């Protein structure tokens, strides 16, 4: 079954979610999503599909841009992730496992490139390079005992192969830690 779908777009979309068990509302605004084409026709197999997604999720800007060969034998996919000011305590409330520490405050920034490849004759690879940062973090061990605070922690990743459990760092910068 051969197909070709072209010019898939969502422009200025929005969505609202109500999470009844957590009594929380989630908003997604300014959604712009594009998939220029998706095709398994023989002449398109080696052409990169370049999807993109931008939105403001609960007040946080999210941008994803990538390129993929979804029907090539490698399944090669690269995604640029750009996210700023994710509210960690808000989202950690959704952790499926109990956390031994409490995040009283903190945000996460990610500017990284993730790559995936899977060939039939060798193990898949997942690689990452870029930066991740935590800002204005306050952690507590219990309701009354503070554990750690810091103004920022920035980690810069050199190309790293996550499937091989190899992580290469170029910088780790911790600012204003307090115990």
N, C-alpha and C. Protein backbone atom coordinates (compact mmCIF):
# COMPACT_ATOMS: atom_id res chain seq x y z
N UNK A 1 0.85 -1.17 0.00
CA UNK A 1 0.00 0.00 0.00
C UNK A 1 0.90 1.24 0.00
N UNK A 2 0.94 1.95 -1.07
CA UNK A 2 1.77 3.15 -1.21
C UNK A 2 0.92 4.39 -0.95
N UNK A 3 1.55 5.39 -0.33
CA UNK A 3 0.81 6.62 -0.04
C UNK A 3 1.75 7.81 -0.03
N UNK A 4 1.16 8.99 -0.18
CA UNK A 4 1.87 10.26 -0.05
C UNK A 4 0.88 11.28 0.49
N UNK A 5 1.18 11.80 1.66
CA UNK A 5 0.35 12.83 2.30
C UNK A 5 1.22 14.07 2.38
N UNK A 6 0.67 15.22 1.96
CA UNK A 6 1.47 16.43 1.86
C UNK A 6 0.83 17.61 2.58
N UNK A 7 1.70 18.52 3.04
CA UNK A 7 1.29 19.82 3.61
C UNK A 7 0.34 19.69 4.79
N UNK A 8 0.74 18.93 5.78
CA UNK A 8 -0.04 18.78 7.01
C UNK A 8 0.35 19.95 7.93
N UNK A 9 -0.63 20.75 8.34
CA UNK A 9 -0.33 21.91 9.18
C UNK A 9 -1.43 22.16 10.19
N UNK A 10 -1.01 22.62 11.36
CA UNK A 10 -1.90 23.22 12.35
C UNK A 10 -1.32 24.60 12.61
N UNK A 11 -2.14 25.65 12.49
CA UNK A 11 -1.68 27.02 12.66
C UNK A 11 -2.50 27.68 13.76
N UNK A 12 -1.81 28.24 14.74
CA UNK A 12 -2.44 28.95 15.86
C UNK A 12 -3.48 28.09 16.58
N UNK A 13 -3.17 26.84 16.79
CA UNK A 13 -4.08 25.94 17.50
C UNK A 13 -4.00 26.14 18.99
N UNK A 14 -4.97 25.55 19.70
CA UNK A 14 -4.96 25.59 21.16
C UNK A 14 -5.74 24.41 21.70
N UNK A 15 -5.44 24.07 22.94
CA UNK A 15 -6.16 22.98 23.61
C UNK A 15 -6.15 23.25 25.10
N UNK A 16 -7.20 22.81 25.77
CA UNK A 16 -7.30 22.89 27.22
C UNK A 16 -7.60 21.50 27.75
N UNK A 17 -6.90 21.15 28.83
CA UNK A 17 -7.12 19.85 29.47
C UNK A 17 -7.43 20.08 30.93
N UNK A 18 -8.35 19.31 31.45
CA UNK A 18 -8.63 19.35 32.88
C UNK A 18 -8.31 17.97 33.44
N UNK A 19 -7.37 17.93 34.39
CA UNK A 19 -6.97 16.69 35.04
C UNK A 19 -7.74 16.60 36.35
N UNK A 20 -8.85 15.88 36.33
CA UNK A 20 -9.72 15.79 37.50
C UNK A 20 -9.03 15.18 38.72
N UNK A 21 -8.28 14.07 38.59
CA UNK A 21 -7.64 13.52 39.80
C UNK A 21 -6.66 14.50 40.47
N UNK A 22 -5.99 15.32 39.70
CA UNK A 22 -5.05 16.30 40.27
C UNK A 22 -5.70 17.68 40.44
N UNK A 23 -6.94 17.82 39.98
CA UNK A 23 -7.66 19.10 40.03
C UNK A 23 -6.79 20.21 39.43
N UNK A 24 -6.28 19.94 38.23
CA UNK A 24 -5.35 20.85 37.57
C UNK A 24 -5.78 21.09 36.12
N UNK A 25 -5.60 22.30 35.68
CA UNK A 25 -5.87 22.64 34.29
C UNK A 25 -4.54 22.78 33.55
N UNK A 26 -4.54 22.35 32.30
CA UNK A 26 -3.37 22.48 31.44
C UNK A 26 -3.81 23.22 30.18
N UNK A 27 -2.98 24.13 29.71
CA UNK A 27 -3.30 24.86 28.50
C UNK A 27 -2.17 24.71 27.48
N UNK A 28 -2.55 24.60 26.24
CA UNK A 28 -1.60 24.57 25.14
C UNK A 28 -2.05 25.67 24.17
N UNK A 29 -1.20 26.64 23.96
CA UNK A 29 -1.55 27.80 23.13
C UNK A 29 -0.52 27.97 22.01
N UNK A 30 -0.90 28.76 21.03
CA UNK A 30 -0.02 29.13 19.92
C UNK A 30 0.62 27.90 19.27
N UNK A 31 -0.19 26.87 19.06
CA UNK A 31 0.32 25.63 18.46
C UNK A 31 0.52 25.83 16.97
N UNK A 32 1.75 25.59 16.54
CA UNK A 32 2.08 25.60 15.12
C UNK A 32 2.83 24.30 14.84
N UNK A 33 2.23 23.47 14.01
CA UNK A 33 2.79 22.17 13.71
C UNK A 33 2.79 21.99 12.20
N UNK A 34 3.88 21.41 11.68
CA UNK A 34 3.95 21.19 10.24
C UNK A 34 4.68 19.89 9.94
N UNK A 35 4.12 19.14 9.01
CA UNK A 35 4.77 17.97 8.43
C UNK A 35 4.65 18.17 6.92
N UNK A 36 5.76 18.56 6.25
CA UNK A 36 5.68 18.90 4.83
C UNK A 36 5.17 17.76 3.95
N UNK A 37 5.60 16.54 4.26
CA UNK A 37 5.08 15.38 3.52
C UNK A 37 5.40 14.12 4.30
N UNK A 38 4.64 13.10 4.02
CA UNK A 38 4.87 11.77 4.57
C UNK A 38 4.55 10.79 3.46
N UNK A 39 5.57 10.04 3.03
CA UNK A 39 5.38 9.22 1.84
C UNK A 39 6.25 7.97 1.92
N UNK A 40 5.68 6.86 1.47
CA UNK A 40 6.48 5.65 1.34
C UNK A 40 6.69 5.27 -0.14
N UNK A 41 6.51 6.24 -1.02
CA UNK A 41 6.77 6.02 -2.43
C UNK A 41 8.28 5.84 -2.64
N UNK A 42 8.69 4.96 -3.52
CA UNK A 42 10.12 4.64 -3.67
C UNK A 42 11.02 5.86 -3.86
N UNK A 43 10.60 6.86 -4.62
CA UNK A 43 11.47 8.02 -4.86
C UNK A 43 11.53 8.96 -3.66
N UNK A 44 10.68 8.78 -2.64
CA UNK A 44 10.71 9.61 -1.44
C UNK A 44 11.45 8.96 -0.27
N UNK A 45 11.80 7.70 -0.36
CA UNK A 45 12.37 6.98 0.78
C UNK A 45 13.65 7.61 1.31
N UNK A 46 14.47 8.20 0.46
CA UNK A 46 15.73 8.81 0.89
C UNK A 46 15.60 10.31 1.11
N UNK A 47 14.38 10.85 1.06
CA UNK A 47 14.16 12.29 1.29
C UNK A 47 13.75 12.51 2.74
N UNK A 48 14.44 13.43 3.40
CA UNK A 48 14.12 13.71 4.79
C UNK A 48 12.76 14.40 4.92
N UNK A 49 11.95 13.92 5.85
CA UNK A 49 10.75 14.61 6.28
C UNK A 49 11.20 15.54 7.40
N UNK A 50 10.77 16.80 7.38
CA UNK A 50 11.22 17.76 8.38
C UNK A 50 10.04 18.33 9.17
N UNK A 51 9.58 17.56 10.17
CA UNK A 51 8.46 18.03 10.98
C UNK A 51 8.90 19.12 11.96
N UNK A 52 7.94 19.95 12.37
CA UNK A 52 8.22 20.96 13.39
C UNK A 52 6.99 21.14 14.27
N UNK A 53 7.24 21.52 15.52
CA UNK A 53 6.17 21.76 16.48
C UNK A 53 6.62 22.89 17.38
N UNK A 54 5.76 23.90 17.53
CA UNK A 54 6.00 24.99 18.47
C UNK A 54 4.70 25.25 19.20
N UNK A 55 4.80 25.51 20.51
CA UNK A 55 3.62 25.81 21.30
C UNK A 55 4.05 26.41 22.63
N UNK A 56 3.09 26.96 23.32
CA UNK A 56 3.28 27.40 24.70
C UNK A 56 2.43 26.47 25.55
N UNK A 57 3.10 25.64 26.36
CA UNK A 57 2.43 24.63 27.18
C UNK A 57 2.48 25.08 28.63
N UNK A 58 1.33 25.38 29.19
CA UNK A 58 1.25 25.87 30.57
C UNK A 58 2.22 27.04 30.79
N UNK A 59 2.32 27.93 29.81
CA UNK A 59 3.16 29.11 29.93
C UNK A 59 4.61 28.89 29.54
N UNK A 60 4.98 27.68 29.17
CA UNK A 60 6.36 27.36 28.80
C UNK A 60 6.48 27.19 27.30
N UNK A 61 7.46 27.88 26.70
CA UNK A 61 7.70 27.77 25.26
C UNK A 61 8.35 26.42 24.96
N UNK A 62 7.80 25.72 23.97
CA UNK A 62 8.31 24.42 23.54
C UNK A 62 8.52 24.48 22.04
N UNK A 63 9.70 24.08 21.58
CA UNK A 63 9.96 24.03 20.14
C UNK A 63 10.70 22.73 19.82
N UNK A 64 10.18 22.02 18.83
CA UNK A 64 10.79 20.78 18.35
C UNK A 64 10.90 20.88 16.84
N UNK A 65 12.09 20.63 16.32
CA UNK A 65 12.29 20.61 14.87
C UNK A 65 13.15 19.41 14.56
N UNK A 66 12.81 18.74 13.50
CA UNK A 66 13.57 17.55 13.22
C UNK A 66 13.65 17.20 11.76
N UNK A 67 14.30 16.07 11.54
CA UNK A 67 14.32 15.49 10.21
C UNK A 67 14.34 13.98 10.41
N UNK A 68 13.64 13.28 9.55
CA UNK A 68 13.51 11.84 9.72
C UNK A 68 13.39 11.15 8.37
N UNK A 69 13.84 9.92 8.34
CA UNK A 69 13.65 9.03 7.20
C UNK A 69 12.78 7.87 7.69
N UNK A 70 11.48 8.09 7.83
CA UNK A 70 10.64 7.10 8.50
C UNK A 70 10.49 5.76 7.78
N UNK A 71 10.76 5.73 6.50
CA UNK A 71 10.59 4.48 5.75
C UNK A 71 11.91 3.96 5.19
N UNK A 72 13.01 4.58 5.60
CA UNK A 72 14.34 4.12 5.18
C UNK A 72 14.75 2.98 6.10
N UNK A 73 15.67 2.15 5.69
CA UNK A 73 16.11 1.02 6.51
C UNK A 73 16.78 1.45 7.81
N UNK A 74 17.27 2.67 7.89
CA UNK A 74 17.93 3.16 9.11
C UNK A 74 16.96 3.77 10.12
N UNK A 75 15.79 4.15 9.70
CA UNK A 75 14.83 4.89 10.53
C UNK A 75 15.48 6.13 11.15
N UNK A 76 16.47 6.69 10.46
CA UNK A 76 17.22 7.82 11.00
C UNK A 76 16.30 8.99 11.34
N UNK A 77 16.43 9.49 12.58
CA UNK A 77 15.63 10.62 13.04
C UNK A 77 16.49 11.51 13.91
N UNK A 78 16.45 12.81 13.67
CA UNK A 78 17.14 13.79 14.49
C UNK A 78 16.12 14.84 14.91
N UNK A 79 16.14 15.19 16.20
CA UNK A 79 15.18 16.15 16.72
C UNK A 79 15.91 17.20 17.55
N UNK A 80 15.72 18.47 17.20
CA UNK A 80 16.23 19.59 18.00
C UNK A 80 15.15 19.96 19.00
N UNK A 81 15.50 19.95 20.27
CA UNK A 81 14.56 20.23 21.36
C UNK A 81 14.98 21.54 22.01
N UNK A 82 14.04 22.47 22.12
CA UNK A 82 14.30 23.75 22.76
C UNK A 82 13.13 24.05 23.69
N UNK A 83 13.39 23.92 24.99
CA UNK A 83 12.35 24.12 26.00
C UNK A 83 12.94 25.00 27.09
N UNK A 84 12.18 26.00 27.52
CA UNK A 84 12.67 26.91 28.56
C UNK A 84 11.66 27.02 29.70
N UNK A 85 12.18 26.98 30.92
CA UNK A 85 11.41 27.25 32.14
C UNK A 85 10.30 26.24 32.43
N UNK A 86 10.59 24.96 32.29
CA UNK A 86 9.62 23.94 32.70
C UNK A 86 9.55 23.94 34.22
N UNK A 87 8.37 24.09 34.77
CA UNK A 87 8.16 24.13 36.21
C UNK A 87 8.24 22.70 36.77
N UNK A 88 9.38 22.35 37.37
CA UNK A 88 9.59 20.98 37.82
C UNK A 88 8.61 20.50 38.89
N UNK A 89 8.34 21.26 39.97
CA UNK A 89 7.39 20.75 40.96
C UNK A 89 6.01 20.46 40.36
N UNK A 90 5.58 21.27 39.42
CA UNK A 90 4.28 21.07 38.78
C UNK A 90 4.23 19.72 38.07
N UNK A 91 5.26 19.40 37.28
CA UNK A 91 5.24 18.17 36.50
C UNK A 91 5.69 16.94 37.30
N UNK A 92 6.52 17.13 38.32
CA UNK A 92 6.94 15.98 39.13
C UNK A 92 5.78 15.42 39.96
N UNK A 93 4.72 16.18 40.10
CA UNK A 93 3.52 15.65 40.75
C UNK A 93 2.96 14.46 39.96
N UNK A 94 3.35 14.31 38.71
CA UNK A 94 2.90 13.21 37.86
C UNK A 94 3.86 12.02 37.87
N UNK A 95 4.88 12.06 38.70
CA UNK A 95 5.85 10.95 38.73
C UNK A 95 5.14 9.65 39.09
N UNK A 96 5.37 8.58 38.32
CA UNK A 96 4.71 7.30 38.60
C UNK A 96 5.31 6.58 39.81
N UNK A 97 6.48 7.02 40.26
CA UNK A 97 7.10 6.42 41.44
C UNK A 97 7.26 7.50 42.50
N UNK A 98 7.14 7.12 43.77
CA UNK A 98 7.32 8.12 44.83
C UNK A 98 8.76 8.63 44.84
N UNK A 99 8.91 9.93 44.95
CA UNK A 99 10.23 10.54 45.00
C UNK A 99 10.69 10.65 46.45
N UNK A 100 11.97 10.41 46.69
CA UNK A 100 12.50 10.46 48.06
C UNK A 100 12.84 11.88 48.48
N UNK A 101 12.84 12.80 47.52
CA UNK A 101 13.07 14.21 47.82
C UNK A 101 11.90 15.02 47.27
N UNK A 102 11.72 16.21 47.83
CA UNK A 102 10.66 17.10 47.36
C UNK A 102 11.29 18.27 46.63
N UNK A 103 10.79 18.56 45.45
CA UNK A 103 11.20 19.76 44.72
C UNK A 103 10.28 20.88 45.17
N UNK A 104 10.82 21.83 45.93
CA UNK A 104 10.03 22.98 46.36
C UNK A 104 9.93 24.01 45.26
N UNK A 105 11.01 24.13 44.47
CA UNK A 105 11.01 25.05 43.34
C UNK A 105 12.08 24.60 42.36
N UNK A 106 11.96 25.08 41.15
CA UNK A 106 12.98 24.81 40.14
C UNK A 106 12.39 24.75 38.75
N UNK A 107 13.20 25.14 37.79
CA UNK A 107 12.80 25.06 36.39
C UNK A 107 13.88 24.33 35.60
N UNK A 108 13.48 23.82 34.46
CA UNK A 108 14.37 23.08 33.58
C UNK A 108 14.40 23.74 32.21
N UNK A 109 15.60 23.89 31.66
CA UNK A 109 15.80 24.36 30.28
C UNK A 109 16.53 23.25 29.54
N UNK A 110 16.14 23.00 28.30
CA UNK A 110 16.82 22.01 27.46
C UNK A 110 17.01 22.60 26.08
N UNK A 111 18.24 22.56 25.61
CA UNK A 111 18.54 22.91 24.22
C UNK A 111 19.49 21.83 23.73
N UNK A 112 18.92 20.85 23.05
CA UNK A 112 19.71 19.67 22.69
C UNK A 112 19.23 19.07 21.38
N UNK A 113 20.09 18.24 20.82
CA UNK A 113 19.76 17.49 19.62
C UNK A 113 19.83 16.00 19.97
N UNK A 114 18.73 15.30 19.71
CA UNK A 114 18.65 13.86 19.92
C UNK A 114 18.62 13.19 18.55
N UNK A 115 19.38 12.10 18.43
CA UNK A 115 19.41 11.36 17.16
C UNK A 115 19.15 9.89 17.43
N UNK A 116 18.41 9.27 16.52
CA UNK A 116 18.09 7.85 16.62
C UNK A 116 18.36 7.18 15.29
N UNK A 117 18.96 6.00 15.35
CA UNK A 117 19.17 5.17 14.16
C UNK A 117 18.96 3.72 14.54
N UNK A 118 18.32 2.99 13.66
CA UNK A 118 18.14 1.56 13.89
C UNK A 118 18.26 0.82 12.56
N UNK A 119 19.30 0.02 12.46
CA UNK A 119 19.51 -0.82 11.29
C UNK A 119 19.12 -2.25 11.66
N UNK A 120 18.80 -3.05 10.68
CA UNK A 120 18.40 -4.44 10.95
C UNK A 120 19.57 -5.30 11.39
N UNK A 121 20.81 -4.93 11.04
CA UNK A 121 21.95 -5.80 11.32
C UNK A 121 22.82 -5.34 12.50
N UNK A 122 22.40 -4.32 13.25
CA UNK A 122 23.16 -3.88 14.43
C UNK A 122 22.24 -3.18 15.42
N UNK A 123 22.69 -3.03 16.66
CA UNK A 123 21.83 -2.42 17.69
C UNK A 123 21.50 -0.96 17.36
N UNK A 124 20.36 -0.49 17.86
CA UNK A 124 20.00 0.91 17.64
C UNK A 124 20.93 1.85 18.40
N UNK A 125 21.00 3.09 17.94
CA UNK A 125 21.76 4.12 18.66
C UNK A 125 20.84 5.30 18.96
N UNK A 126 21.02 5.85 20.13
CA UNK A 126 20.36 7.09 20.52
C UNK A 126 21.47 8.00 21.04
N UNK A 127 21.64 9.13 20.40
CA UNK A 127 22.70 10.05 20.83
C UNK A 127 22.09 11.40 21.19
N UNK A 128 22.83 12.12 22.02
CA UNK A 128 22.40 13.45 22.45
C UNK A 128 23.62 14.35 22.50
N UNK A 129 23.39 15.62 22.19
CA UNK A 129 24.39 16.67 22.40
C UNK A 129 23.63 17.96 22.66
N UNK A 130 24.21 18.83 23.49
CA UNK A 130 23.55 20.09 23.81
C UNK A 130 23.69 20.44 25.27
N UNK A 131 22.73 21.19 25.79
CA UNK A 131 22.78 21.61 27.19
C UNK A 131 21.44 21.37 27.88
N UNK A 132 21.54 21.13 29.17
CA UNK A 132 20.37 21.05 30.04
C UNK A 132 20.70 21.87 31.28
N UNK A 133 19.73 22.59 31.77
CA UNK A 133 19.99 23.43 32.94
C UNK A 133 18.84 23.43 33.91
N UNK A 134 19.18 23.45 35.19
CA UNK A 134 18.20 23.61 36.26
C UNK A 134 18.42 24.99 36.86
N UNK A 135 17.33 25.69 37.18
CA UNK A 135 17.44 27.04 37.72
C UNK A 135 16.57 27.19 38.95
N UNK A 136 17.08 27.96 39.93
CA UNK A 136 16.34 28.30 41.15
C UNK A 136 15.77 27.07 41.83
N UNK A 137 16.63 26.08 42.05
CA UNK A 137 16.19 24.80 42.62
C UNK A 137 16.29 24.84 44.14
N UNK A 138 15.22 24.38 44.78
CA UNK A 138 15.20 24.16 46.24
C UNK A 138 14.66 22.76 46.46
N UNK A 139 15.46 21.92 47.13
CA UNK A 139 15.08 20.54 47.40
C UNK A 139 14.95 20.35 48.91
N UNK A 140 14.03 19.48 49.31
CA UNK A 140 13.85 19.16 50.73
C UNK A 140 13.79 17.64 50.90
N UNK A 141 14.34 17.18 52.04
CA UNK A 141 14.30 15.76 52.35
C UNK A 141 12.96 15.41 53.00
N UNK A 142 12.44 16.31 53.81
CA UNK A 142 11.14 16.11 54.47
C UNK A 142 10.41 17.45 54.43
N UNK A 143 9.26 17.49 55.08
CA UNK A 143 8.48 18.74 55.10
C UNK A 143 9.22 19.86 55.83
N UNK A 144 10.11 19.53 56.76
CA UNK A 144 10.79 20.56 57.54
C UNK A 144 12.29 20.64 57.29
N UNK A 145 12.88 19.67 56.63
CA UNK A 145 14.33 19.64 56.45
C UNK A 145 14.73 19.98 55.02
N UNK A 146 15.38 21.14 54.86
CA UNK A 146 15.90 21.53 53.55
C UNK A 146 17.12 20.68 53.23
N UNK A 147 17.27 20.33 51.97
CA UNK A 147 18.37 19.46 51.56
C UNK A 147 19.42 20.23 50.76
N UNK A 148 18.98 20.96 49.74
CA UNK A 148 19.92 21.63 48.84
C UNK A 148 19.20 22.75 48.11
N UNK A 149 19.93 23.83 47.86
CA UNK A 149 19.45 24.92 47.02
C UNK A 149 20.59 25.34 46.11
N UNK A 150 20.26 25.78 44.92
CA UNK A 150 21.26 26.40 44.04
C UNK A 150 20.55 27.27 43.02
N UNK A 151 21.29 28.28 42.53
CA UNK A 151 20.66 29.19 41.57
C UNK A 151 20.66 28.59 40.17
N UNK A 152 21.72 27.82 39.81
CA UNK A 152 21.69 27.17 38.50
C UNK A 152 22.68 26.01 38.44
N UNK A 153 22.34 25.04 37.64
CA UNK A 153 23.21 23.91 37.30
C UNK A 153 23.07 23.72 35.81
N UNK A 154 24.17 23.91 35.08
CA UNK A 154 24.15 23.75 33.62
C UNK A 154 25.11 22.63 33.25
N UNK A 155 24.60 21.70 32.44
CA UNK A 155 25.41 20.58 31.97
C UNK A 155 25.44 20.63 30.45
N UNK A 156 26.65 20.64 29.89
CA UNK A 156 26.82 20.63 28.43
C UNK A 156 27.30 19.24 28.01
N UNK A 157 26.56 18.65 27.08
CA UNK A 157 26.85 17.30 26.60
C UNK A 157 27.56 17.37 25.25
N UNK A 158 28.68 16.67 25.15
CA UNK A 158 29.28 16.41 23.85
C UNK A 158 28.51 15.23 23.26
N UNK A 159 28.67 14.94 21.98
CA UNK A 159 27.92 13.79 21.43
C UNK A 159 28.11 12.55 22.31
N UNK A 160 26.98 12.01 22.77
CA UNK A 160 26.96 10.88 23.69
C UNK A 160 26.03 9.80 23.16
N UNK A 161 26.44 8.55 23.33
CA UNK A 161 25.63 7.41 22.88
C UNK A 161 24.90 6.82 24.08
N UNK A 162 23.63 7.14 24.21
CA UNK A 162 22.87 6.70 25.37
C UNK A 162 22.64 5.19 25.39
N UNK A 163 22.47 4.57 24.24
CA UNK A 163 22.27 3.12 24.20
C UNK A 163 23.53 2.38 24.66
N UNK A 164 24.69 2.93 24.40
CA UNK A 164 25.94 2.33 24.84
C UNK A 164 26.31 2.76 26.26
N UNK A 165 25.44 3.57 26.88
CA UNK A 165 25.65 4.11 28.23
C UNK A 165 26.94 4.92 28.31
N UNK A 166 27.19 5.69 27.25
CA UNK A 166 28.36 6.56 27.19
C UNK A 166 27.88 8.01 27.16
N UNK A 167 28.24 8.75 28.20
CA UNK A 167 27.87 10.16 28.29
C UNK A 167 29.16 10.97 28.39
N UNK A 168 29.31 11.95 27.52
CA UNK A 168 30.50 12.80 27.49
C UNK A 168 30.07 14.24 27.79
N UNK A 169 30.67 14.80 28.83
CA UNK A 169 30.33 16.16 29.24
C UNK A 169 31.48 17.09 28.91
N UNK A 170 31.15 18.32 28.52
CA UNK A 170 32.19 19.32 28.31
C UNK A 170 32.24 20.31 29.45
N UNK A 171 31.09 20.59 30.07
CA UNK A 171 31.03 21.54 31.19
C UNK A 171 29.94 21.12 32.16
N UNK A 172 30.22 21.32 33.44
CA UNK A 172 29.22 21.22 34.50
C UNK A 172 29.44 22.45 35.36
N UNK A 173 28.45 23.33 35.41
CA UNK A 173 28.59 24.59 36.15
C UNK A 173 27.48 24.67 37.19
N UNK A 174 27.87 24.73 38.45
CA UNK A 174 26.93 24.86 39.56
C UNK A 174 27.14 26.23 40.19
N UNK A 175 26.06 27.00 40.32
CA UNK A 175 26.15 28.36 40.86
C UNK A 175 25.37 28.46 42.18
N UNK A 176 26.00 29.07 43.16
CA UNK A 176 25.41 29.43 44.45
C UNK A 176 24.74 28.26 45.17
N UNK A 177 25.48 27.15 45.38
CA UNK A 177 24.88 26.04 46.13
C UNK A 177 24.84 26.34 47.63
N UNK A 178 23.77 25.86 48.28
CA UNK A 178 23.63 25.95 49.74
C UNK A 178 23.09 24.62 50.22
N UNK A 179 23.68 24.14 51.31
CA UNK A 179 23.22 22.87 51.91
C UNK A 179 22.40 23.17 53.14
